[in-house]
Amino acid sequence: QLQLVESGGGLVQPGGSLRLSCTTSGFPMHYYGIAWFRQAPGKEPEGVSWIESSSATTIYADSVKGRFTISRDNAKRTVYLQMNSLTPEDTANYYCARGRAAWRRERWTLMSEYDYWGQGTQVTVSS
């Protein structure tokens, strides 16, 4: 059964850090790029970051550059999102998604470029 399962969310104070994990099963993860998206209440989903299958290339949204780091361990079938210097604006439900075989870099922030999604993990940044 193909699955992506997020974990690691929670409540953190402004300026704090969290590391999210996206653990996969049911497909050869080492062939696929994986993205993180987030959606805050009342807002459209936002592409946060993407990592290529061999980790050679990563992309970040301007809103998280310099604060978030995406990485992957294909042996553990897991993609990580290290989030530092968190602000209340980072509060959202965070999802990981598998890139389609025909994924195109210039469309990386579009949900249509991804074919399987996890259920999400909530991140709340508040004092």
PDB file of N, CA and C in Angstrom:
ATOM      1  N   GLN A   1       0.841  -1.185   0.000  1.00  0.00           N
ATOM      2  CA  GLN A   1       0.000   0.000   0.000  1.00  0.00           C
ATOM      3  C   GLN A   1       0.883   1.244   0.000  1.00  0.00           C
ATOM      4  N   LEU A   2       0.664   2.123  -0.952  1.00  0.00           N
ATOM      5  CA  LEU A   2       1.468   3.337  -1.060  1.00  0.00           C
ATOM      6  C   LEU A   2       1.036   4.326   0.007  1.00  0.00           C
ATOM      7  N   GLN A   3       1.989   4.786   0.807  1.00  0.00           N
ATOM      8  CA  GLN A   3       1.677   5.724   1.873  1.00  0.00           C
ATOM      9  C   GLN A   3       2.781   6.740   2.061  1.00  0.00           C
ATOM     10  N   LEU A   4       2.383   7.930   2.472  1.00  0.00           N
ATOM     11  CA  LEU A   4       3.299   8.942   2.988  1.00  0.00           C
ATOM     12  C   LEU A   4       2.703   9.368   4.331  1.00  0.00           C
ATOM     13  N   VAL A   5       3.506   9.302   5.368  1.00  0.00           N
ATOM     14  CA  VAL A   5       3.025   9.595   6.710  1.00  0.00           C
ATOM     15  C   VAL A   5       3.927  10.646   7.343  1.00  0.00           C
ATOM     16  N   GLU A   6       3.321  11.786   7.659  1.00  0.00           N
ATOM     17  CA  GLU A   6       4.066  12.867   8.287  1.00  0.00           C
ATOM     18  C   GLU A   6       4.045  12.720   9.808  1.00  0.00           C
ATOM     19  N   SER A   7       5.102  13.221  10.436  1.00  0.00           N
ATOM     20  CA  SER A   7       5.162  13.258  11.891  1.00  0.00           C
ATOM     21  C   SER A   7       6.097  14.377  12.309  1.00  0.00           C
ATOM     22  N   GLY A   8       6.072  14.699  13.599  1.00  0.00           N
ATOM     23  CA  GLY A   8       6.997  15.684  14.137  1.00  0.00           C
ATOM     24  C   GLY A   8       6.405  17.053  14.400  1.00  0.00           C
ATOM     25  N   GLY A   9       5.150  17.248  14.039  1.00  0.00           N
ATOM     26  CA  GLY A   9       4.530  18.534  14.308  1.00  0.00           C
ATOM     27  C   GLY A   9       4.263  18.730  15.791  1.00  0.00           C
ATOM     28  N   GLY A  10       3.835  19.948  16.119  1.00  0.00           N
ATOM     29  CA  GLY A  10       3.517  20.242  17.503  1.00  0.00           C
ATOM     30  C   GLY A  10       3.465  21.726  17.744  1.00  0.00           C
ATOM     31  N   LEU A  11       3.455  22.068  19.026  1.00  0.00           N
ATOM     32  CA  LEU A  11       3.420  23.471  19.455  1.00  0.00           C
ATOM     33  C   LEU A  11       4.835  23.908  19.815  1.00  0.00           C
ATOM     34  N   VAL A  12       5.251  25.035  19.276  1.00  0.00           N
ATOM     35  CA  VAL A  12       6.588  25.548  19.541  1.00  0.00           C
ATOM     36  C   VAL A  12       6.509  27.058  19.687  1.00  0.00           C
ATOM     37  N   GLN A  13       7.383  27.616  20.489  1.00  0.00           N
ATOM     38  CA  GLN A  13       7.417  29.061  20.683  1.00  0.00           C
ATOM     39  C   GLN A  13       8.108  29.750  19.502  1.00  0.00           C
ATOM     40  N   PRO A  14       7.780  31.005  19.257  1.00  0.00           N
ATOM     41  CA  PRO A  14       8.495  31.747  18.207  1.00  0.00           C
ATOM     42  C   PRO A  14       9.997  31.700  18.428  1.00  0.00           C
ATOM     43  N   GLY A  15      10.716  31.495  17.338  1.00  0.00           N
ATOM     44  CA  GLY A  15      12.159  31.353  17.425  1.00  0.00           C
ATOM     45  C   GLY A  15      12.625  29.925  17.615  1.00  0.00           C
ATOM     46  N   GLY A  16      11.697  29.039  17.866  1.00  0.00           N
ATOM     47  CA  GLY A  16      12.040  27.645  18.111  1.00  0.00           C
ATOM     48  C   GLY A  16      12.214  26.845  16.836  1.00  0.00           C
ATOM     49  N   SER A  17      12.446  25.550  17.016  1.00  0.00           N
ATOM     50  CA  SER A  17      12.718  24.649  15.896  1.00  0.00           C
ATOM     51  C   SER A  17      11.870  23.386  16.009  1.00  0.00           C
ATOM     52  N   LEU A  18      11.611  22.798  14.855  1.00  0.00           N
ATOM     53  CA  LEU A  18      10.976  21.496  14.770  1.00  0.00           C
ATOM     54  C   LEU A  18      11.573  20.767  13.577  1.00  0.00           C
ATOM     55  N   ARG A  19      11.573  19.437  13.655  1.00  0.00           N
ATOM     56  CA  ARG A  19      11.942  18.640  12.496  1.00  0.00           C
ATOM     57  C   ARG A  19      10.779  17.731  12.135  1.00  0.00           C
ATOM     58  N   LEU A  20      10.283  17.911  10.933  1.00  0.00           N
ATOM     59  CA  LEU A  20       9.213  17.065  10.424  1.00  0.00           C
ATOM     60  C   LEU A  20       9.805  15.886   9.655  1.00  0.00           C
ATOM     61  N   SER A  21       9.094  14.774   9.710  1.00  0.00           N
ATOM     62  CA  SER A  21       9.487  13.589   8.954  1.00  0.00           C
ATOM     63  C   SER A  21       8.340  13.156   8.047  1.00  0.00           C
ATOM     64  N   CYS A  22       8.695  12.654   6.891  1.00  0.00           N
ATOM     65  CA  CYS A  22       7.732  12.078   5.951  1.00  0.00           C
ATOM     66  C   CYS A  22       8.240  10.676   5.629  1.00  0.00           C
ATOM     67  N   THR A  23       7.597   9.683   6.209  1.00  0.00           N
ATOM     68  CA  THR A  23       8.016   8.304   6.027  1.00  0.00           C
ATOM     69  C   THR A  23       7.144   7.657   4.958  1.00  0.00           C
ATOM     70  N   THR A  24       7.785   7.013   3.995  1.00  0.00           N
ATOM     71  CA  THR A  24       7.062   6.484   2.844  1.00  0.00           C
ATOM     72  C   THR A  24       7.090   4.963   2.824  1.00  0.00           C
ATOM     73  N   SER A  25       6.134   4.401   2.101  1.00  0.00           N
ATOM     74  CA  SER A  25       6.089   2.959   1.904  1.00  0.00           C
ATOM     75  C   SER A  25       5.294   2.672   0.630  1.00  0.00           C
ATOM     76  N   GLY A  26       5.536   1.493   0.072  1.00  0.00           N
ATOM     77  CA  GLY A  26       4.734   1.052  -1.064  1.00  0.00           C
ATOM     78  C   GLY A  26       5.204   1.500  -2.426  1.00  0.00           C
ATOM     79  N   PHE A  27       6.330   2.195  -2.484  1.00  0.00           N
ATOM     80  CA  PHE A  27       6.886   2.586  -3.773  1.00  0.00           C
ATOM     81  C   PHE A  27       8.387   2.826  -3.607  1.00  0.00           C
ATOM     82  N   PRO A  28       9.153   2.762  -4.699  1.00  0.00           N
ATOM     83  CA  PRO A  28      10.615   2.973  -4.616  1.00  0.00           C
ATOM     84  C   PRO A  28      10.932   4.455  -4.475  1.00  0.00           C
ATOM     85  N   MET A  29      11.009   4.898  -3.243  1.00  0.00           N
ATOM     86  CA  MET A  29      11.148   6.320  -2.957  1.00  0.00           C
ATOM     87  C   MET A  29      12.361   6.938  -3.637  1.00  0.00           C
ATOM     88  N   HIS A  30      13.430   6.140  -3.822  1.00  0.00           N
ATOM     89  CA  HIS A  30      14.662   6.685  -4.372  1.00  0.00           C
ATOM     90  C   HIS A  30      14.518   7.125  -5.827  1.00  0.00           C
ATOM     91  N   TYR A  31      13.379   6.837  -6.453  1.00  0.00           N
ATOM     92  CA  TYR A  31      13.133   7.281  -7.816  1.00  0.00           C
ATOM     93  C   TYR A  31      12.353   8.593  -7.895  1.00  0.00           C
ATOM     94  N   TYR A  32      11.883   9.073  -6.762  1.00  0.00           N
ATOM     95  CA  TYR A  32      10.924  10.184  -6.801  1.00  0.00           C
ATOM     96  C   TYR A  32      11.390  11.401  -6.015  1.00  0.00           C
ATOM     97  N   GLY A  33      11.079  12.573  -6.569  1.00  0.00           N
ATOM     98  CA  GLY A  33      11.201  13.787  -5.792  1.00  0.00           C
ATOM     99  C   GLY A  33      10.035  13.903  -4.824  1.00  0.00           C
ATOM    100  N   ILE A  34      10.300  14.537  -3.692  1.00  0.00           N
ATOM    101  CA  ILE A  34       9.294  14.698  -2.649  1.00  0.00           C
ATOM    102  C   ILE A  34       9.224  16.172  -2.263  1.00  0.00           C
ATOM    103  N   ALA A  35       8.027  16.658  -2.078  1.00  0.00           N
ATOM    104  CA  ALA A  35       7.828  18.053  -1.672  1.00  0.00           C
ATOM    105  C   ALA A  35       7.128  18.145  -0.324  1.00  0.00           C
ATOM    106  N   TRP A  36       7.333  19.271   0.323  1.00  0.00           N
ATOM    107  CA  TRP A  36       6.551  19.663   1.498  1.00  0.00           C
ATOM    108  C   TRP A  36       5.679  20.845   1.101  1.00  0.00           C
ATOM    109  N   PHE A  37       4.421  20.766   1.465  1.00  0.00           N
ATOM    110  CA  PHE A  37       3.469  21.857   1.328  1.00  0.00           C
ATOM    111  C   PHE A  37       2.927  22.194   2.714  1.00  0.00           C
ATOM    112  N   ARG A  38       2.316  23.339   2.808  1.00  0.00           N
ATOM    113  CA  ARG A  38       1.613  23.683   4.034  1.00  0.00           C
ATOM    114  C   ARG A  38       0.355  24.454   3.703  1.00  0.00           C
ATOM    115  N   GLN A  39      -0.599  24.371   4.599  1.00  0.00           N
ATOM    116  CA  GLN A  39      -1.831  25.117   4.439  1.00  0.00           C
ATOM    117  C   GLN A  39      -2.280  25.655   5.776  1.00  0.00           C
ATOM    118  N   ALA A  40      -2.381  26.963   5.847  1.00  0.00           N
ATOM    119  CA  ALA A  40      -2.876  27.626   7.046  1.00  0.00           C
ATOM    120  C   ALA A  40      -4.386  27.834   6.901  1.00  0.00           C
ATOM    121  N   PRO A  41      -5.094  27.953   8.012  1.00  0.00           N
ATOM    122  CA  PRO A  41      -6.553  28.162   7.945  1.00  0.00           C
ATOM    123  C   PRO A  41      -6.901  29.369   7.088  1.00  0.00           C
ATOM    124  N   GLY A  42      -7.817  29.180   6.150  1.00  0.00           N
ATOM    125  CA  GLY A  42      -8.274  30.273   5.304  1.00  0.00           C
ATOM    126  C   GLY A  42      -7.329  30.666   4.193  1.00  0.00           C
ATOM    127  N   LYS A  43      -6.256  29.891   4.026  1.00  0.00           N
ATOM    128  CA  LYS A  43      -5.272  30.223   2.990  1.00  0.00           C
ATOM    129  C   LYS A  43      -5.130  29.087   1.993  1.00  0.00           C
ATOM    130  N   GLU A  44      -4.587  29.424   0.823  1.00  0.00           N
ATOM    131  CA  GLU A  44      -4.311  28.414  -0.184  1.00  0.00           C
ATOM    132  C   GLU A  44      -3.086  27.586   0.216  1.00  0.00           C
ATOM    133  N   PRO A  45      -3.015  26.340  -0.243  1.00  0.00           N
ATOM    134  CA  PRO A  45      -1.804  25.551   0.009  1.00  0.00           C
ATOM    135  C   PRO A  45      -0.583  26.244  -0.587  1.00  0.00           C
ATOM    136  N   GLU A  46       0.519  26.102   0.097  1.00  0.00           N
ATOM    137  CA  GLU A  46       1.772  26.752  -0.309  1.00  0.00           C
ATOM    138  C   GLU A  46       2.877  25.716  -0.417  1.00  0.00           C
ATOM    139  N   GLY A  47       3.566  25.684  -1.537  1.00  0.00           N
ATOM    140  CA  GLY A  47       4.744  24.835  -1.660  1.00  0.00           C
ATOM    141  C   GLY A  47       5.853  25.381  -0.791  1.00  0.00           C
ATOM    142  N   VAL A  48       6.400  24.553   0.071  1.00  0.00           N
ATOM    143  CA  VAL A  48       7.439  24.976   1.017  1.00  0.00           C
ATOM    144  C   VAL A  48       8.828  24.601   0.512  1.00  0.00           C
ATOM    145  N   SER A  49       8.978  23.339   0.100  1.00  0.00           N
ATOM    146  CA  SER A  49      10.295  22.875  -0.327  1.00  0.00           C
ATOM    147  C   SER A  49      10.144  21.596  -1.130  1.00  0.00           C
ATOM    148  N   TRP A  50      11.165  21.301  -1.911  1.00  0.00           N
ATOM    149  CA  TRP A  50      11.192  20.088  -2.732  1.00  0.00           C
ATOM    150  C   TRP A  50      12.609  19.566  -2.760  1.00  0.00           C
ATOM    151  N   ILE A  51      12.729  18.214  -2.825  1.00  0.00           N
ATOM    152  CA  ILE A  51      14.041  17.604  -2.924  1.00  0.00           C
ATOM    153  C   ILE A  51      14.013  16.548  -4.014  1.00  0.00           C
ATOM    154  N   GLU A  52      15.035  16.562  -4.830  1.00  0.00           N
ATOM    155  CA  GLU A  52      15.172  15.623  -5.930  1.00  0.00           C
ATOM    156  C   GLU A  52      15.515  14.233  -5.379  1.00  0.00           C
ATOM    157  N   SER A  53      15.299  13.206  -6.199  1.00  0.00           N
ATOM    158  CA  SER A  53      15.411  11.826  -5.721  1.00  0.00           C
ATOM    159  C   SER A  53      16.765  11.499  -5.112  1.00  0.00           C
ATOM    160  N   SER A  54      17.839  12.054  -5.649  1.00  0.00           N
ATOM    161  CA  SER A  54      19.181  11.756  -5.137  1.00  0.00           C
ATOM    162  C   SER A  54      19.702  12.847  -4.219  1.00  0.00           C
ATOM    163  N   SER A  55      18.848  13.780  -3.857  1.00  0.00           N
ATOM    164  CA  SER A  55      19.211  14.912  -2.979  1.00  0.00           C
ATOM    165  C   SER A  55      20.103  15.942  -3.665  1.00  0.00           C
ATOM    166  N   ALA A  56      20.355  15.787  -4.956  1.00  0.00           N
ATOM    167  CA  ALA A  56      21.269  16.701  -5.639  1.00  0.00           C
ATOM    168  C   ALA A  56      20.697  18.106  -5.766  1.00  0.00           C
ATOM    169  N   THR A  57      19.390  18.219  -5.824  1.00  0.00           N
ATOM    170  CA  THR A  57      18.746  19.516  -6.025  1.00  0.00           C
ATOM    171  C   THR A  57      17.644  19.726  -5.007  1.00  0.00           C
ATOM    172  N   THR A  58      17.597  20.918  -4.467  1.00  0.00           N
ATOM    173  CA  THR A  58      16.511  21.295  -3.572  1.00  0.00           C
ATOM    174  C   THR A  58      15.966  22.659  -3.995  1.00  0.00           C
ATOM    175  N   ILE A  59      14.715  22.891  -3.639  1.00  0.00           N
ATOM    176  CA  ILE A  59      14.060  24.173  -3.917  1.00  0.00           C
ATOM    177  C   ILE A  59      13.365  24.608  -2.637  1.00  0.00           C
ATOM    178  N   TYR A  60      13.352  25.919  -2.409  1.00  0.00           N
ATOM    179  CA  TYR A  60      12.677  26.464  -1.242  1.00  0.00           C
ATOM    180  C   TYR A  60      11.805  27.649  -1.642  1.00  0.00           C
ATOM    181  N   ALA A  61      10.692  27.781  -0.973  1.00  0.00           N
ATOM    182  CA  ALA A  61       9.900  28.994  -1.104  1.00  0.00           C
ATOM    183  C   ALA A  61      10.664  30.152  -0.486  1.00  0.00           C
ATOM    184  N   ASP A  62      10.481  31.341  -1.030  1.00  0.00           N
ATOM    185  CA  ASP A  62      11.190  32.511  -0.501  1.00  0.00           C
ATOM    186  C   ASP A  62      10.892  32.725   0.982  1.00  0.00           C
ATOM    187  N   SER A  63       9.689  32.366   1.392  1.00  0.00           N
ATOM    188  CA  SER A  63       9.268  32.602   2.773  1.00  0.00           C
ATOM    189  C   SER A  63      10.026  31.761   3.794  1.00  0.00           C
ATOM    190  N   VAL A  64      10.698  30.700   3.335  1.00  0.00           N
ATOM    191  CA  VAL A  64      11.383  29.816   4.282  1.00  0.00           C
ATOM    192  C   VAL A  64      12.883  29.699   4.014  1.00  0.00           C
ATOM    193  N   LYS A  65      13.369  30.325   2.941  1.00  0.00           N
ATOM    194  CA  LYS A  65      14.790  30.233   2.619  1.00  0.00           C
ATOM    195  C   LYS A  65      15.649  30.720   3.769  1.00  0.00           C
ATOM    196  N   GLY A  66      16.689  29.971   4.069  1.00  0.00           N
ATOM    197  CA  GLY A  66      17.593  30.330   5.148  1.00  0.00           C
ATOM    198  C   GLY A  66      17.128  29.863   6.513  1.00  0.00           C
ATOM    199  N   ARG A  67      15.884  29.391   6.611  1.00  0.00           N
ATOM    200  CA  ARG A  67      15.366  28.913   7.890  1.00  0.00           C
ATOM    201  C   ARG A  67      15.030  27.426   7.870  1.00  0.00           C
ATOM    202  N   PHE A  68      14.578  26.941   6.740  1.00  0.00           N
ATOM    203  CA  PHE A  68      14.183  25.536   6.610  1.00  0.00           C
ATOM    204  C   PHE A  68      15.214  24.798   5.758  1.00  0.00           C
ATOM    205  N   THR A  69      15.400  23.525   6.086  1.00  0.00           N
ATOM    206  CA  THR A  69      16.289  22.664   5.310  1.00  0.00           C
ATOM    207  C   THR A  69      15.604  21.335   5.046  1.00  0.00           C
ATOM    208  N   ILE A  70      15.534  20.967   3.782  1.00  0.00           N
ATOM    209  CA  ILE A  70      14.956  19.681   3.408  1.00  0.00           C
ATOM    210  C   ILE A  70      16.084  18.693   3.166  1.00  0.00           C
ATOM    211  N   SER A  71      15.864  17.445   3.559  1.00  0.00           N
ATOM    212  CA  SER A  71      16.858  16.393   3.343  1.00  0.00           C
ATOM    213  C   SER A  71      16.124  15.064   3.239  1.00  0.00           C
ATOM    214  N   ARG A  72      16.850  14.043   2.840  1.00  0.00           N
ATOM    215  CA  ARG A  72      16.227  12.730   2.736  1.00  0.00           C
ATOM    216  C   ARG A  72      17.225  11.644   3.026  1.00  0.00           C
ATOM    217  N   ASP A  73      16.707  10.530   3.508  1.00  0.00           N
ATOM    218  CA  ASP A  73      17.495   9.329   3.736  1.00  0.00           C
ATOM    219  C   ASP A  73      16.750   8.214   3.013  1.00  0.00           C
ATOM    220  N   ASN A  74      17.202   7.891   1.802  1.00  0.00           N
ATOM    221  CA  ASN A  74      16.470   6.900   1.007  1.00  0.00           C
ATOM    222  C   ASN A  74      16.502   5.515   1.653  1.00  0.00           C
ATOM    223  N   ALA A  75      17.565   5.210   2.383  1.00  0.00           N
ATOM    224  CA  ALA A  75      17.625   3.906   3.065  1.00  0.00           C
ATOM    225  C   ALA A  75      16.532   3.790   4.122  1.00  0.00           C
ATOM    226  N   LYS A  76      16.181   4.926   4.744  1.00  0.00           N
ATOM    227  CA  LYS A  76      15.120   4.939   5.744  1.00  0.00           C
ATOM    228  C   LYS A  76      13.775   5.322   5.138  1.00  0.00           C
ATOM    229  N   ARG A  77      13.763   5.576   3.831  1.00  0.00           N
ATOM    230  CA  ARG A  77      12.538   5.922   3.125  1.00  0.00           C
ATOM    231  C   ARG A  77      11.872   7.150   3.725  1.00  0.00           C
ATOM    232  N   THR A  78      12.671   8.099   4.147  1.00  0.00           N
ATOM    233  CA  THR A  78      12.154   9.242   4.882  1.00  0.00           C
ATOM    234  C   THR A  78      12.720  10.546   4.338  1.00  0.00           C
ATOM    235  N   VAL A  79      11.860  11.546   4.259  1.00  0.00           N
ATOM    236  CA  VAL A  79      12.252  12.908   3.920  1.00  0.00           C
ATOM    237  C   VAL A  79      12.014  13.773   5.151  1.00  0.00           C
ATOM    238  N   TYR A  80      12.951  14.682   5.410  1.00  0.00           N
ATOM    239  CA  TYR A  80      12.887  15.522   6.595  1.00  0.00           C
ATOM    240  C   TYR A  80      12.731  16.987   6.200  1.00  0.00           C
ATOM    241  N   LEU A  81      12.131  17.746   7.113  1.00  0.00           N
ATOM    242  CA  LEU A  81      12.089  19.197   6.968  1.00  0.00           C
ATOM    243  C   LEU A  81      12.500  19.788   8.312  1.00  0.00           C
ATOM    244  N   GLN A  82      13.727  20.292   8.367  1.00  0.00           N
ATOM    245  CA  GLN A  82      14.217  20.957   9.571  1.00  0.00           C
ATOM    246  C   GLN A  82      13.779  22.408   9.510  1.00  0.00           C
ATOM    247  N   MET A  83      13.047  22.839  10.511  1.00  0.00           N
ATOM    248  CA  MET A  83      12.492  24.189  10.527  1.00  0.00           C
ATOM    249  C   MET A  83      13.067  24.951  11.719  1.00  0.00           C
ATOM    250  N   ASN A  84      13.787  26.018  11.450  1.00  0.00           N
ATOM    251  CA  ASN A  84      14.397  26.839  12.487  1.00  0.00           C
ATOM    252  C   ASN A  84      13.817  28.251  12.446  1.00  0.00           C
ATOM    253  N   SER A  85      14.036  28.994  13.506  1.00  0.00           N
ATOM    254  CA  SER A  85      13.584  30.392  13.591  1.00  0.00           C
ATOM    255  C   SER A  85      12.116  30.522  13.216  1.00  0.00           C
ATOM    256  N   LEU A  86      11.315  29.677  13.795  1.00  0.00           N
ATOM    257  CA  LEU A  86       9.895  29.641  13.450  1.00  0.00           C
ATOM    258  C   LEU A  86       9.182  30.895  13.926  1.00  0.00           C
ATOM    259  N   THR A  87       8.207  31.323  13.145  1.00  0.00           N
ATOM    260  CA  THR A  87       7.382  32.477  13.467  1.00  0.00           C
ATOM    261  C   THR A  87       5.906  32.049  13.428  1.00  0.00           C
ATOM    262  N   PRO A  88       5.030  32.849  13.996  1.00  0.00           N
ATOM    263  CA  PRO A  88       3.597  32.502  13.943  1.00  0.00           C
ATOM    264  C   PRO A  88       3.086  32.326  12.516  1.00  0.00           C
ATOM    265  N   GLU A  89       3.734  32.984  11.558  1.00  0.00           N
ATOM    266  CA  GLU A  89       3.316  32.852  10.158  1.00  0.00           C
ATOM    267  C   GLU A  89       3.608  31.460   9.597  1.00  0.00           C
ATOM    268  N   ASP A  90       4.396  30.682  10.286  1.00  0.00           N
ATOM    269  CA  ASP A  90       4.671  29.302   9.863  1.00  0.00           C
ATOM    270  C   ASP A  90       3.609  28.325  10.363  1.00  0.00           C
ATOM    271  N   THR A  91       2.681  28.788  11.162  1.00  0.00           N
ATOM    272  CA  THR A  91       1.618  27.926  11.660  1.00  0.00           C
ATOM    273  C   THR A  91       0.768  27.415  10.503  1.00  0.00           C
ATOM    274  N   ALA A  92       0.661  26.095  10.393  1.00  0.00           N
ATOM    275  CA  ALA A  92      -0.074  25.488   9.284  1.00  0.00           C
ATOM    276  C   ALA A  92      -0.078  23.979   9.471  1.00  0.00           C
ATOM    277  N   ASN A  93      -0.865  23.326   8.645  1.00  0.00           N
ATOM    278  CA  ASN A  93      -0.780  21.882   8.516  1.00  0.00           C
ATOM    279  C   ASN A  93       0.223  21.594   7.405  1.00  0.00           C
ATOM    280  N   TYR A  94       1.193  20.758   7.705  1.00  0.00           N
ATOM    281  CA  TYR A  94       2.271  20.476   6.761  1.00  0.00           C
ATOM    282  C   TYR A  94       2.080  19.091   6.157  1.00  0.00           C
ATOM    283  N   TYR A  95       2.191  19.041   4.832  1.00  0.00           N
ATOM    284  CA  TYR A  95       1.985  17.803   4.086  1.00  0.00           C
ATOM    285  C   TYR A  95       3.214  17.484   3.253  1.00  0.00           C
ATOM    286  N   CYS A  96       3.487  16.190   3.061  1.00  0.00           N
ATOM    287  CA  CYS A  96       4.473  15.802   2.067  1.00  0.00           C
ATOM    288  C   CYS A  96       3.734  15.153   0.893  1.00  0.00           C
ATOM    289  N   ALA A  97       4.377  15.224  -0.258  1.00  0.00           N
ATOM    290  CA  ALA A  97       3.736  14.735  -1.474  1.00  0.00           C
ATOM    291  C   ALA A  97       4.779  14.183  -2.421  1.00  0.00           C
ATOM    292  N   ARG A  98       4.395  13.168  -3.180  1.00  0.00           N
ATOM    293  CA  ARG A  98       5.286  12.557  -4.152  1.00  0.00           C
ATOM    294  C   ARG A  98       5.136  13.232  -5.511  1.00  0.00           C
ATOM    295  N   GLY A  99       6.257  13.610  -6.099  1.00  0.00           N
ATOM    296  CA  GLY A  99       6.209  14.218  -7.413  1.00  0.00           C
ATOM    297  C   GLY A  99       5.829  13.216  -8.491  1.00  0.00           C
ATOM    298  N   ARG A 100       5.043  13.678  -9.442  1.00  0.00           N
ATOM    299  CA  ARG A 100       4.685  12.827 -10.567  1.00  0.00           C
ATOM    300  C   ARG A 100       5.900  12.513 -11.427  1.00  0.00           C
ATOM    301  N   ALA A 101       5.801  11.439 -12.209  1.00  0.00           N
ATOM    302  CA  ALA A 101       6.897  11.080 -13.097  1.00  0.00           C
ATOM    303  C   ALA A 101       7.193  12.214 -14.076  1.00  0.00           C
ATOM    304  N   ALA A 102       6.178  12.963 -14.485  1.00  0.00           N
ATOM    305  CA  ALA A 102       6.349  14.067 -15.435  1.00  0.00           C
ATOM    306  C   ALA A 102       6.485  15.417 -14.724  1.00  0.00           C
ATOM    307  N   TRP A 103       6.880  15.379 -13.465  1.00  0.00           N
ATOM    308  CA  TRP A 103       7.046  16.611 -12.665  1.00  0.00           C
ATOM    309  C   TRP A 103       7.945  17.604 -13.385  1.00  0.00           C
ATOM    310  N   ARG A 104       7.553  18.889 -13.332  1.00  0.00           N
ATOM    311  CA  ARG A 104       8.357  19.924 -13.966  1.00  0.00           C
ATOM    312  C   ARG A 104       8.740  20.979 -12.953  1.00  0.00           C
ATOM    313  N   ARG A 105       9.964  21.349 -12.899  1.00  0.00           N
ATOM    314  CA  ARG A 105      10.498  22.265 -11.900  1.00  0.00           C
ATOM    315  C   ARG A 105       9.734  23.578 -11.868  1.00  0.00           C
ATOM    316  N   GLU A 106       9.412  24.102 -13.041  1.00  0.00           N
ATOM    317  CA  GLU A 106       8.775  25.425 -13.085  1.00  0.00           C
ATOM    318  C   GLU A 106       7.357  25.400 -12.526  1.00  0.00           C
ATOM    319  N   ARG A 107       6.820  24.210 -12.304  1.00  0.00           N
ATOM    320  CA  ARG A 107       5.481  24.082 -11.751  1.00  0.00           C
ATOM    321  C   ARG A 107       5.501  23.465 -10.359  1.00  0.00           C
ATOM    322  N   TRP A 108       6.634  23.521  -9.666  1.00  0.00           N
ATOM    323  CA  TRP A 108       6.796  22.737  -8.446  1.00  0.00           C
ATOM    324  C   TRP A 108       5.825  23.134  -7.343  1.00  0.00           C
ATOM    325  N   THR A 109       5.319  24.359  -7.373  1.00  0.00           N
ATOM    326  CA  THR A 109       4.397  24.789  -6.323  1.00  0.00           C
ATOM    327  C   THR A 109       2.937  24.417  -6.602  1.00  0.00           C
ATOM    328  N   LEU A 110       2.694  23.794  -7.741  1.00  0.00           N
ATOM    329  CA  LEU A 110       1.320  23.413  -8.076  1.00  0.00           C
ATOM    330  C   LEU A 110       1.006  22.019  -7.561  1.00  0.00           C
ATOM    331  N   MET A 111      -0.114  21.879  -6.889  1.00  0.00           N
ATOM    332  CA  MET A 111      -0.486  20.586  -6.313  1.00  0.00           C
ATOM    333  C   MET A 111      -0.680  19.528  -7.393  1.00  0.00           C
ATOM    334  N   SER A 112      -1.004  19.944  -8.590  1.00  0.00           N
ATOM    335  CA  SER A 112      -1.229  19.003  -9.685  1.00  0.00           C
ATOM    336  C   SER A 112       0.041  18.271 -10.117  1.00  0.00           C
ATOM    337  N   GLU A 113       1.222  18.759  -9.665  1.00  0.00           N
ATOM    338  CA  GLU A 113       2.479  18.096  -9.997  1.00  0.00           C
ATOM    339  C   GLU A 113       2.768  16.918  -9.071  1.00  0.00           C
ATOM    340  N   TYR A 114       1.866  16.620  -8.146  1.00  0.00           N
ATOM    341  CA  TYR A 114       2.085  15.575  -7.144  1.00  0.00           C
ATOM    342  C   TYR A 114       0.915  14.608  -7.157  1.00  0.00           C
ATOM    343  N   ASP A 115       1.229  13.316  -6.982  1.00  0.00           N
ATOM    344  CA  ASP A 115       0.164  12.335  -7.145  1.00  0.00           C
ATOM    345  C   ASP A 115      -0.244  11.626  -5.863  1.00  0.00           C
ATOM    346  N   TYR A 116       0.580  11.624  -4.858  1.00  0.00           N
ATOM    347  CA  TYR A 116       0.201  11.030  -3.581  1.00  0.00           C
ATOM    348  C   TYR A 116       0.597  11.968  -2.453  1.00  0.00           C
ATOM    349  N   TRP A 117      -0.296  12.025  -1.463  1.00  0.00           N
ATOM    350  CA  TRP A 117      -0.143  12.971  -0.363  1.00  0.00           C
ATOM    351  C   TRP A 117      -0.309  12.247   0.974  1.00  0.00           C
ATOM    352  N   GLY A 118       0.374  12.797   1.968  1.00  0.00           N
ATOM    353  CA  GLY A 118       0.132  12.332   3.320  1.00  0.00           C
ATOM    354  C   GLY A 118      -1.051  13.055   3.928  1.00  0.00           C
ATOM    355  N   GLN A 119      -1.356  12.705   5.179  1.00  0.00           N
ATOM    356  CA  GLN A 119      -2.496  13.291   5.878  1.00  0.00           C
ATOM    357  C   GLN A 119      -2.157  14.605   6.563  1.00  0.00           C
ATOM    358  N   GLY A 120      -0.882  14.866   6.745  1.00  0.00           N
ATOM    359  CA  GLY A 120      -0.477  16.135   7.327  1.00  0.00           C
ATOM    360  C   GLY A 120      -0.128  16.045   8.801  1.00  0.00           C
ATOM    361  N   THR A 121       0.673  16.997   9.235  1.00  0.00           N
ATOM    362  CA  THR A 121       1.007  17.150  10.649  1.00  0.00           C
ATOM    363  C   THR A 121       0.921  18.635  10.983  1.00  0.00           C
ATOM    364  N   GLN A 122       0.285  18.940  12.100  1.00  0.00           N
ATOM    365  CA  GLN A 122       0.024  20.330  12.456  1.00  0.00           C
ATOM    366  C   GLN A 122       1.240  20.943  13.152  1.00  0.00           C
ATOM    367  N   VAL A 123       1.592  22.134  12.699  1.00  0.00           N
ATOM    368  CA  VAL A 123       2.640  22.925  13.342  1.00  0.00           C
ATOM    369  C   VAL A 123       1.998  24.228  13.820  1.00  0.00           C
ATOM    370  N   THR A 124       2.140  24.492  15.107  1.00  0.00           N
ATOM    371  CA  THR A 124       1.606  25.721  15.691  1.00  0.00           C
ATOM    372  C   THR A 124       2.733  26.473  16.372  1.00  0.00           C
ATOM    373  N   VAL A 125       2.937  27.709  15.953  1.00  0.00           N
ATOM    374  CA  VAL A 125       3.988  28.542  16.528  1.00  0.00           C
ATOM    375  C   VAL A 125       3.307  29.655  17.321  1.00  0.00           C
ATOM    376  N   SER A 126       3.451  29.589  18.619  1.00  0.00           N
ATOM    377  CA  SER A 126       2.747  30.536  19.483  1.00  0.00           C
ATOM    378  C   SER A 126       3.438  30.608  20.829  1.00  0.00           C
ATOM    379  N   SER A 127       3.370  31.794  21.424  1.00  0.00           N
ATOM    380  CA  SER A 127       3.913  31.954  22.780  1.00  0.00           C
ATOM    381  C   SER A 127       2.812  31.745  23.814  1.00  0.00           C
TER     382      SER A 127
END
